[in-house]
Amino acid sequence: MKFRASLIEFQQALSKTLPAIPRKATIPILEHLYFSIEDNTLSIIGTDQNITIMTSIKVDAEDEGKVLVPAKMLDDLVKTLGHSGDLEFITDTNNYEIKLLVERGKYNMKGLNPIEYLDLPELFESKKPDFEAAKQEGTIESGISTAFFIKEDIVRLAEKTLIAVSDDEYRPAMTGILLQFRENYVNAVSTDSYRLVKATVHADKVSFPQNFDVILPSKSMELLVKTDSDLIMSFIESFGKVTHARFDAGNTIFITRVINEKFPPYESVIPQNNAILLTVDRKQVLLAIKSVSLFANNITKQIKLHAVNNTLTLHAEDEETGKSGKRELPCDLNHESFEIGFNFKYLEEAFNNVEESETEDNLVIMSFSEPNKPALIRPKSEKEELLMLVMPVRIS
């Protein structure tokens, strides 16, 4: 196996596949990248058995072949090589010794026989749906369904919901993000029992399945944030059950196991009668939270909101140290007065989750019913594309 490649293109290909390499592999073979050359195309595969990533680049190949390359060593090396020039990669197929040649540099490392690599039927037996044809014809391929995302939409769904993902391994469904496809829109939902986020994308420029739910691991959604192009999402079945989701983005294929658990019936916990409305400026609230939270108890992280006469007061204190802080800001309240307590971390993350472009005049609406019932937070907008629920804490 022998090829020459642009160093920067080689580095970019590595950066796409390396996230699939586990930090601590239970199987040593997972610490390697699978390299294969065919028709002057280098394909690189990385997997941790839950996530598999394959990307391809064009190279000048003299000899085709396959080899397993130690991922960390290769990564550490290419980071030191700069971004200009070419890299020559040579493998001895008898002993799988690898040579890497760059200008003024020669490096040797030990590879492994590619026959030792894992069987990945979800990658090698699945196919990319015809993206361009489906876009032009406005059709959805047969089978479980296909979803087309523009880059900004999948990134938005991931970024909005990742803040509320649970780390409770005993409730696996809540460690992932629920995608609810409803033909004209898709909801992304996450919850850790203390808060909930629902973000929505409408199918203005894309196509979604008619009625299909799937839970993706949070790590998979984190990796999708890094996508650099529009993508097509399809689903892989085994014995009539969806086991994997496949994303095709340019020359990269990203495959993830799905979480086959039942997501909590989140609709039932979203209040439908929160009649007390508090409208505030997003930036002003964030500054108030940042300053007042400095005086909150390190354990309870409690912050109190008191609204009256169109003035919102944020207050925090720590009785153990005697410190306290208070800040006032204008608000619009459709009620005589209201008081409620929150974990300031959850409140700050919720307001940070609202972008100025999503709001009218940078305003955010909080709605309540009682001090011990869930509060809803959403940007002031005609579009209903972001809804957050935060559980209050008992005011001490």
Protein backbone atom coordinates (compact mmCIF):
# COMPACT_ATOMS: atom_id res chain seq x y z
CA MET A 1 0.00 0.00 0.00
CA LYS A 2 1.51 3.31 -1.07
CA PHE A 3 0.01 6.74 -1.66
CA ARG A 4 0.75 10.44 -1.61
CA ALA A 5 -1.76 12.93 -0.22
CA SER A 6 -2.07 16.62 0.52
CA LEU A 7 -1.04 16.99 4.15
CA ILE A 8 -3.86 19.36 5.04
CA GLU A 9 -6.50 17.14 3.38
CA PHE A 10 -5.07 14.14 5.22
CA GLN A 11 -5.25 16.04 8.53
CA GLN A 12 -8.85 17.08 7.84
CA ALA A 13 -9.83 13.48 7.13
CA LEU A 14 -8.23 12.34 10.38
CA SER A 15 -10.03 15.04 12.36
CA LYS A 16 -13.37 13.72 11.10
CA THR A 17 -12.75 10.08 12.05
CA LEU A 18 -10.74 10.38 15.27
CA PRO A 19 -13.79 11.33 17.43
CA ALA A 20 -15.00 7.73 17.00
CA ILE A 21 -11.83 6.35 18.62
CA PRO A 22 -12.50 5.59 22.32
CA ARG A 23 -10.25 7.17 24.93
CA LYS A 24 -10.02 3.90 26.81
CA ALA A 25 -10.66 0.98 24.49
CA THR A 26 -11.84 -2.32 25.96
CA ILE A 27 -10.63 -3.98 22.75
CA PRO A 28 -7.13 -2.93 21.59
CA ILE A 29 -8.17 -3.09 17.93
CA LEU A 30 -10.49 -0.11 18.53
CA GLU A 31 -7.43 2.06 19.12
CA HIS A 32 -6.69 1.79 15.39
CA LEU A 33 -7.97 3.46 12.25
CA TYR A 34 -8.80 1.30 9.24
CA PHE A 35 -7.08 2.57 6.09
CA SER A 36 -7.96 1.27 2.63
CA ILE A 37 -6.99 2.42 -0.86
CA GLU A 38 -9.09 1.80 -3.96
CA ASP A 39 -9.31 3.76 -7.22
CA ASN A 40 -7.05 6.54 -5.89
CA THR A 41 -9.39 7.03 -2.96
CA LEU A 42 -8.27 6.70 0.66
CA SER A 43 -11.04 5.63 3.04
CA ILE A 44 -10.47 6.00 6.79
CA ILE A 45 -12.72 4.32 9.36
CA GLY A 46 -12.87 4.74 13.12
CA THR A 47 -15.30 3.10 15.55
CA ASP A 48 -16.00 2.56 19.24
CA GLN A 49 -18.72 0.01 18.40
CA ASN A 50 -21.45 2.56 19.15
CA ILE A 51 -20.34 5.21 16.69
CA THR A 52 -18.66 4.55 13.35
CA ILE A 53 -17.25 7.27 11.10
CA MET A 54 -15.84 6.83 7.61
CA THR A 55 -14.47 9.58 5.41
CA SER A 56 -12.75 9.53 2.03
CA ILE A 57 -10.25 11.73 0.19
CA LYS A 58 -8.62 11.57 -3.21
CA VAL A 59 -4.94 10.59 -3.21
CA ASP A 60 -2.23 9.66 -5.69
CA ALA A 61 -2.05 5.90 -5.11
CA GLU A 62 0.76 3.72 -6.40
CA ASP A 63 -0.32 0.51 -4.65
CA GLU A 64 -3.75 -0.34 -3.27
CA GLY A 65 -4.21 -2.15 0.02
CA LYS A 66 -5.46 -2.04 3.60
CA VAL A 67 -3.86 -1.58 7.03
CA LEU A 68 -4.77 -0.75 10.63
CA VAL A 69 -2.98 2.36 11.89
CA PRO A 70 -2.51 3.30 15.59
CA ALA A 71 -4.82 6.31 15.87
CA LYS A 72 -3.30 8.25 18.76
CA MET A 73 0.27 7.96 17.50
CA LEU A 74 -0.78 9.10 14.03
CA ASP A 75 -2.80 11.97 15.45
CA ASP A 76 0.03 13.13 17.70
CA LEU A 77 2.42 13.01 14.76
CA VAL A 78 0.40 14.88 12.15
CA LYS A 79 -0.26 17.71 14.62
CA THR A 80 3.46 18.47 14.50
CA LEU A 81 3.81 18.51 10.71
CA GLY A 82 2.28 21.86 9.81
CA HIS A 83 -0.27 22.25 7.03
CA SER A 84 1.73 22.60 3.81
CA GLY A 85 3.17 20.08 1.43
CA ASP A 86 2.41 16.40 0.90
CA LEU A 87 2.64 13.24 2.94
CA GLU A 88 3.76 9.88 1.57
CA PHE A 89 2.35 6.78 3.26
CA ILE A 90 3.94 3.36 2.65
CA THR A 91 2.95 0.00 4.15
CA ASP A 92 4.78 -3.30 3.93
CA THR A 93 1.98 -5.86 3.50
CA ASN A 94 4.22 -8.62 4.84
CA ASN A 95 4.71 -7.19 8.33
CA TYR A 96 2.48 -4.07 8.21
CA GLU A 97 5.33 -1.71 9.04
CA ILE A 98 4.26 1.84 8.18
CA LYS A 99 6.50 4.61 6.87
CA LEU A 100 5.39 8.24 6.69
CA LEU A 101 7.52 10.61 4.66
CA VAL A 102 7.23 14.40 4.67
CA GLU A 103 9.66 17.14 3.72
CA ARG A 104 12.67 16.69 6.02
CA GLY A 105 10.94 13.98 8.02
CA LYS A 106 10.69 10.20 8.07
CA TYR A 107 8.65 8.25 10.63
CA ASN A 108 8.07 4.54 11.23
CA MET A 109 5.30 2.85 13.19
CA LYS A 110 3.78 -0.59 13.52
CA GLY A 111 0.40 -1.28 11.93
CA LEU A 112 -1.81 -4.34 12.16
CA ASN A 113 -3.33 -6.81 9.74
CA PRO A 114 -6.68 -5.36 8.56
CA ILE A 115 -8.29 -8.80 8.78
CA GLU A 116 -8.31 -8.32 12.56
CA TYR A 117 -10.72 -5.36 12.31
CA LEU A 118 -14.31 -5.57 13.47
CA ASP A 119 -17.14 -6.60 11.19
CA LEU A 120 -19.24 -3.49 10.55
CA PRO A 121 -22.32 -4.61 8.60
CA GLU A 122 -24.20 -1.42 9.46
CA LEU A 123 -21.53 0.45 7.46
CA PHE A 124 -20.65 -1.89 4.63
CA GLU A 125 -24.17 -3.23 3.98
CA SER A 126 -26.08 0.06 4.16
CA LYS A 127 -26.33 2.46 1.26
CA LYS A 128 -26.55 6.19 0.88
CA PRO A 129 -30.02 7.32 -0.27
CA ASP A 130 -30.12 9.30 -3.50
CA PHE A 131 -30.05 12.76 -1.96
CA GLU A 132 -30.07 14.89 -5.11
CA ALA A 133 -32.79 12.88 -6.86
CA ALA A 134 -35.02 12.99 -3.80
CA LYS A 135 -34.54 16.75 -3.44
CA GLN A 136 -35.44 17.37 -7.07
CA GLU A 137 -38.41 15.02 -7.10
CA GLY A 138 -39.60 15.87 -3.60
CA THR A 139 -39.90 12.21 -2.72
CA ILE A 140 -39.09 10.14 0.33
CA GLU A 141 -37.43 6.81 -0.22
CA SER A 142 -39.23 3.63 0.81
CA GLY A 143 -38.45 1.88 4.07
CA ILE A 144 -38.34 3.38 7.52
CA SER A 145 -37.83 6.86 6.02
CA THR A 146 -35.24 9.42 5.17
CA ALA A 147 -34.65 12.88 6.57
CA PHE A 148 -32.80 15.72 4.86
CA PHE A 149 -31.19 18.35 7.09
CA ILE A 150 -29.44 21.55 6.20
CA LYS A 151 -26.34 21.95 8.36
CA GLU A 152 -27.67 24.84 10.43
CA ASP A 153 -30.80 22.91 11.44
CA ILE A 154 -29.12 19.78 12.79
CA VAL A 155 -26.54 21.93 14.59
CA ARG A 156 -29.31 24.01 16.16
CA LEU A 157 -31.28 20.97 17.35
CA ALA A 158 -28.17 19.49 18.93
CA GLU A 159 -26.94 22.66 20.59
CA LYS A 160 -30.34 23.54 22.04
CA THR A 161 -31.02 20.15 23.60
CA LEU A 162 -27.60 19.01 24.82
CA ILE A 163 -27.84 21.20 27.94
CA ALA A 164 -30.66 19.10 29.42
CA VAL A 165 -29.40 15.57 28.72
CA SER A 166 -29.25 13.30 31.78
CA ASP A 167 -26.14 11.39 32.85
CA ASP A 168 -28.19 8.78 34.73
CA GLU A 169 -27.11 5.43 33.27
CA TYR A 170 -30.09 3.73 34.93
CA ARG A 171 -32.43 5.78 32.72
CA PRO A 172 -30.78 5.29 29.32
CA ALA A 173 -33.53 6.97 27.29
CA MET A 174 -32.83 10.25 29.09
CA THR A 175 -29.12 10.09 28.27
CA GLY A 176 -30.07 10.68 24.66
CA ILE A 177 -32.07 13.15 22.59
CA LEU A 178 -35.47 12.24 21.20
CA LEU A 179 -36.11 13.15 17.56
CA GLN A 180 -39.81 13.25 16.70
CA PHE A 181 -40.36 13.39 12.94
CA ARG A 182 -43.81 14.64 11.94
CA GLU A 183 -43.47 15.17 8.15
CA ASN A 184 -43.69 18.98 8.29
CA TYR A 185 -41.41 19.43 11.30
CA VAL A 186 -39.11 17.62 13.71
CA ASN A 187 -38.89 18.06 17.48
CA ALA A 188 -35.68 17.43 19.39
CA VAL A 189 -36.33 16.82 23.09
CA SER A 190 -34.09 16.26 26.09
CA THR A 191 -34.71 16.12 29.84
CA ASP A 192 -32.84 15.33 33.03
CA SER A 193 -35.96 15.52 35.25
CA TYR A 194 -35.00 19.01 36.50
CA ARG A 195 -35.43 20.70 33.14
CA LEU A 196 -36.63 19.96 29.64
CA VAL A 197 -35.82 21.42 26.25
CA LYS A 198 -37.88 21.07 23.08
CA ALA A 199 -36.46 22.56 19.89
CA THR A 200 -38.34 22.46 16.58
CA VAL A 201 -37.26 22.70 12.96
CA HIS A 202 -39.86 23.08 10.22
CA ALA A 203 -39.50 21.38 6.85
CA ASP A 204 -39.29 24.52 4.75
CA LYS A 205 -36.26 23.42 2.70
CA VAL A 206 -36.02 19.77 3.70
CA SER A 207 -38.02 16.53 3.95
CA PHE A 208 -38.89 14.56 7.06
CA PRO A 209 -40.54 11.19 7.75
CA GLN A 210 -44.25 11.34 8.45
CA ASN A 211 -44.45 9.84 11.93
CA PHE A 212 -41.30 8.37 13.40
CA ASP A 213 -39.47 8.69 16.73
CA VAL A 214 -35.86 7.79 17.47
CA ILE A 215 -33.49 8.45 20.39
CA LEU A 216 -29.89 9.30 19.55
CA PRO A 217 -27.05 9.17 22.11
CA SER A 218 -25.91 12.60 23.28
CA LYS A 219 -22.34 11.91 22.09
CA SER A 220 -23.67 11.36 18.58
CA MET A 221 -25.50 14.67 18.65
CA GLU A 222 -22.35 16.39 19.93
CA LEU A 223 -20.42 15.09 16.94
CA LEU A 224 -23.13 16.22 14.53
CA VAL A 225 -22.57 19.78 15.72
CA LYS A 226 -19.20 19.62 13.93
CA THR A 227 -20.70 18.73 10.54
CA ASP A 228 -19.43 20.95 7.74
CA SER A 229 -22.16 20.31 5.16
CA ASP A 230 -25.83 19.49 4.73
CA LEU A 231 -26.64 15.88 5.48
CA ILE A 232 -29.06 13.08 4.81
CA MET A 233 -30.26 10.88 7.65
CA SER A 234 -31.46 7.33 7.06
CA PHE A 235 -32.24 4.39 9.31
CA ILE A 236 -30.85 0.86 9.43
CA GLU A 237 -33.09 -2.00 10.50
CA SER A 238 -32.44 -5.48 11.83
CA PHE A 239 -35.33 -7.94 12.17
CA GLY A 240 -37.84 -5.13 11.66
CA LYS A 241 -36.33 -2.90 14.35
CA VAL A 242 -34.29 0.26 13.84
CA THR A 243 -30.82 -0.30 15.30
CA HIS A 244 -28.74 2.48 13.76
CA ALA A 245 -29.07 5.93 12.24
CA ARG A 246 -26.86 6.82 9.30
CA PHE A 247 -25.81 10.35 8.33
CA ASP A 248 -24.20 11.12 4.98
CA ALA A 249 -22.47 14.49 4.76
CA GLY A 250 -20.27 15.06 1.74
CA ASN A 251 -17.59 12.35 1.70
CA THR A 252 -18.24 11.38 5.31
CA ILE A 253 -20.53 8.67 6.69
CA PHE A 254 -21.50 8.81 10.35
CA ILE A 255 -23.34 5.84 11.85
CA THR A 256 -24.63 5.64 15.41
CA ARG A 257 -26.52 3.08 17.42
CA VAL A 258 -29.91 4.32 18.54
CA ILE A 259 -31.18 4.01 22.11
CA ASN A 260 -33.98 1.46 21.98
CA GLU A 261 -35.76 2.60 25.12
CA LYS A 262 -39.02 4.43 25.74
CA PHE A 263 -38.62 8.16 26.17
CA PRO A 264 -40.62 9.66 29.06
CA PRO A 265 -44.04 11.06 28.04
CA TYR A 266 -42.71 14.59 28.24
CA GLU A 267 -45.85 16.24 26.84
CA SER A 268 -47.70 15.42 30.06
CA VAL A 269 -45.30 17.47 32.22
CA ILE A 270 -45.44 20.63 30.11
CA PRO A 271 -47.94 22.97 31.83
CA GLN A 272 -50.87 24.08 29.72
CA ASN A 273 -52.23 26.72 32.10
CA ASN A 274 -49.28 28.87 33.13
CA ALA A 275 -51.22 32.13 33.13
CA ILE A 276 -48.68 34.33 34.94
CA LEU A 277 -46.45 35.89 32.28
CA LEU A 278 -43.17 37.66 32.96
CA THR A 279 -41.40 39.31 30.01
CA VAL A 280 -37.78 40.35 30.47
CA ASP A 281 -34.76 41.44 28.48
CA ARG A 282 -32.52 38.44 27.92
CA LYS A 283 -29.20 40.26 28.29
CA GLN A 284 -30.29 42.09 31.44
CA VAL A 285 -31.41 38.86 33.11
CA LEU A 286 -28.19 37.07 32.23
CA LEU A 287 -26.08 39.87 33.71
CA ALA A 288 -28.25 39.87 36.83
CA ILE A 289 -27.94 36.10 37.24
CA LYS A 290 -24.16 36.23 36.77
CA SER A 291 -23.71 38.92 39.42
CA VAL A 292 -26.22 37.69 42.01
CA SER A 293 -25.24 34.03 41.72
CA LEU A 294 -21.79 34.92 43.08
CA PHE A 295 -23.49 35.20 46.46
CA ALA A 296 -25.54 31.99 46.30
CA ASN A 297 -24.87 28.97 48.46
CA ASN A 298 -22.35 26.69 46.75
CA ILE A 299 -24.45 23.60 47.45
CA THR A 300 -28.04 24.73 46.88
CA LYS A 301 -27.19 27.29 44.15
CA GLN A 302 -30.52 28.90 44.98
CA ILE A 303 -31.56 32.21 43.50
CA LYS A 304 -34.89 33.92 44.20
CA LEU A 305 -36.95 35.89 41.67
CA HIS A 306 -39.50 38.39 42.98
CA ALA A 307 -41.59 40.39 40.51
CA VAL A 308 -43.88 43.27 41.50
CA ASN A 309 -44.84 46.62 39.95
CA ASN A 310 -43.00 45.75 36.73
CA THR A 311 -39.72 45.31 38.60
CA LEU A 312 -37.93 41.97 38.82
CA THR A 313 -35.58 41.47 41.76
CA LEU A 314 -33.04 38.67 41.79
CA HIS A 315 -31.70 37.78 45.23
CA ALA A 316 -29.27 35.20 46.57
CA GLU A 317 -27.68 34.70 49.95
CA ASP A 318 -25.49 32.25 51.82
CA GLU A 319 -26.37 32.14 55.50
CA GLU A 320 -23.22 30.16 56.32
CA THR A 321 -20.89 32.90 55.10
CA GLY A 322 -23.21 35.86 55.54
CA LYS A 323 -22.87 37.01 51.94
CA SER A 324 -25.85 38.19 49.88
CA GLY A 325 -26.55 39.91 46.60
CA LYS A 326 -29.53 41.61 44.98
CA ARG A 327 -30.18 43.18 41.59
CA GLU A 328 -33.25 44.83 40.07
CA LEU A 329 -34.29 45.17 36.45
CA PRO A 330 -37.43 46.21 34.57
CA CYS A 331 -39.96 43.63 33.49
CA ASP A 332 -43.50 43.28 32.21
CA LEU A 333 -45.72 41.25 34.56
CA ASN A 334 -49.41 40.50 33.95
CA HIS A 335 -49.96 39.77 37.66
CA GLU A 336 -49.81 41.69 40.93
CA SER A 337 -46.70 39.94 42.18
CA PHE A 338 -44.94 36.59 42.01
CA GLU A 339 -42.02 34.90 43.75
CA ILE A 340 -40.19 31.71 42.82
CA GLY A 341 -36.80 30.08 43.38
CA PHE A 342 -34.45 28.33 40.95
CA ASN A 343 -31.09 26.66 40.73
CA PHE A 344 -29.22 29.57 39.15
CA LYS A 345 -27.17 27.23 36.95
CA TYR A 346 -30.31 25.88 35.25
CA LEU A 347 -31.79 29.36 34.88
CA GLU A 348 -28.61 30.79 33.39
CA GLU A 349 -28.26 27.93 30.91
CA ALA A 350 -31.87 28.37 29.81
CA PHE A 351 -31.42 32.09 29.06
CA ASN A 352 -28.08 31.41 27.38
CA ASN A 353 -29.89 28.89 25.19
CA VAL A 354 -31.93 31.69 23.62
CA GLU A 355 -30.20 33.52 20.78
CA GLU A 356 -30.93 37.15 20.05
CA SER A 357 -31.93 36.26 16.49
CA GLU A 358 -34.70 34.04 17.86
CA THR A 359 -36.46 36.81 19.75
CA GLU A 360 -38.37 40.01 19.21
CA ASP A 361 -36.34 42.86 20.74
CA ASN A 362 -34.22 40.30 22.66
CA LEU A 363 -37.17 39.56 24.96
CA VAL A 364 -37.82 36.28 26.76
CA ILE A 365 -41.15 35.18 28.27
CA MET A 366 -41.31 33.21 31.50
CA SER A 367 -44.66 31.71 32.47
CA PHE A 368 -45.78 30.33 35.84
CA SER A 369 -48.79 28.98 37.69
CA GLU A 370 -47.54 28.42 41.26
CA PRO A 371 -44.14 28.77 42.99
CA ASN A 372 -43.80 24.98 43.27
CA LYS A 373 -44.87 24.16 39.71
CA PRO A 374 -42.71 24.04 36.54
CA ALA A 375 -41.84 27.31 34.84
CA LEU A 376 -41.71 27.67 31.07
CA ILE A 377 -39.15 29.82 29.27
CA ARG A 378 -39.31 30.73 25.60
CA PRO A 379 -38.18 33.53 23.31
CA LYS A 380 -40.76 36.15 22.47
CA SER A 381 -41.49 35.24 18.88
CA GLU A 382 -44.32 34.31 16.54
CA LYS A 383 -42.43 31.09 15.82
CA GLU A 384 -42.83 28.36 18.39
CA GLU A 385 -39.45 26.74 17.86
CA LEU A 386 -37.95 26.66 21.35
CA LEU A 387 -39.55 25.78 24.67
CA MET A 388 -37.73 25.14 27.94
CA LEU A 389 -39.10 23.87 31.23
CA VAL A 390 -37.26 24.44 34.51
CA MET A 391 -38.32 22.98 37.85
CA PRO A 392 -38.30 25.48 40.73
CA VAL A 393 -36.68 24.94 44.13
CA ARG A 394 -38.27 25.57 47.49
CA ILE A 395 -37.38 29.03 48.73
CA SER A 396 -35.50 28.79 52.02
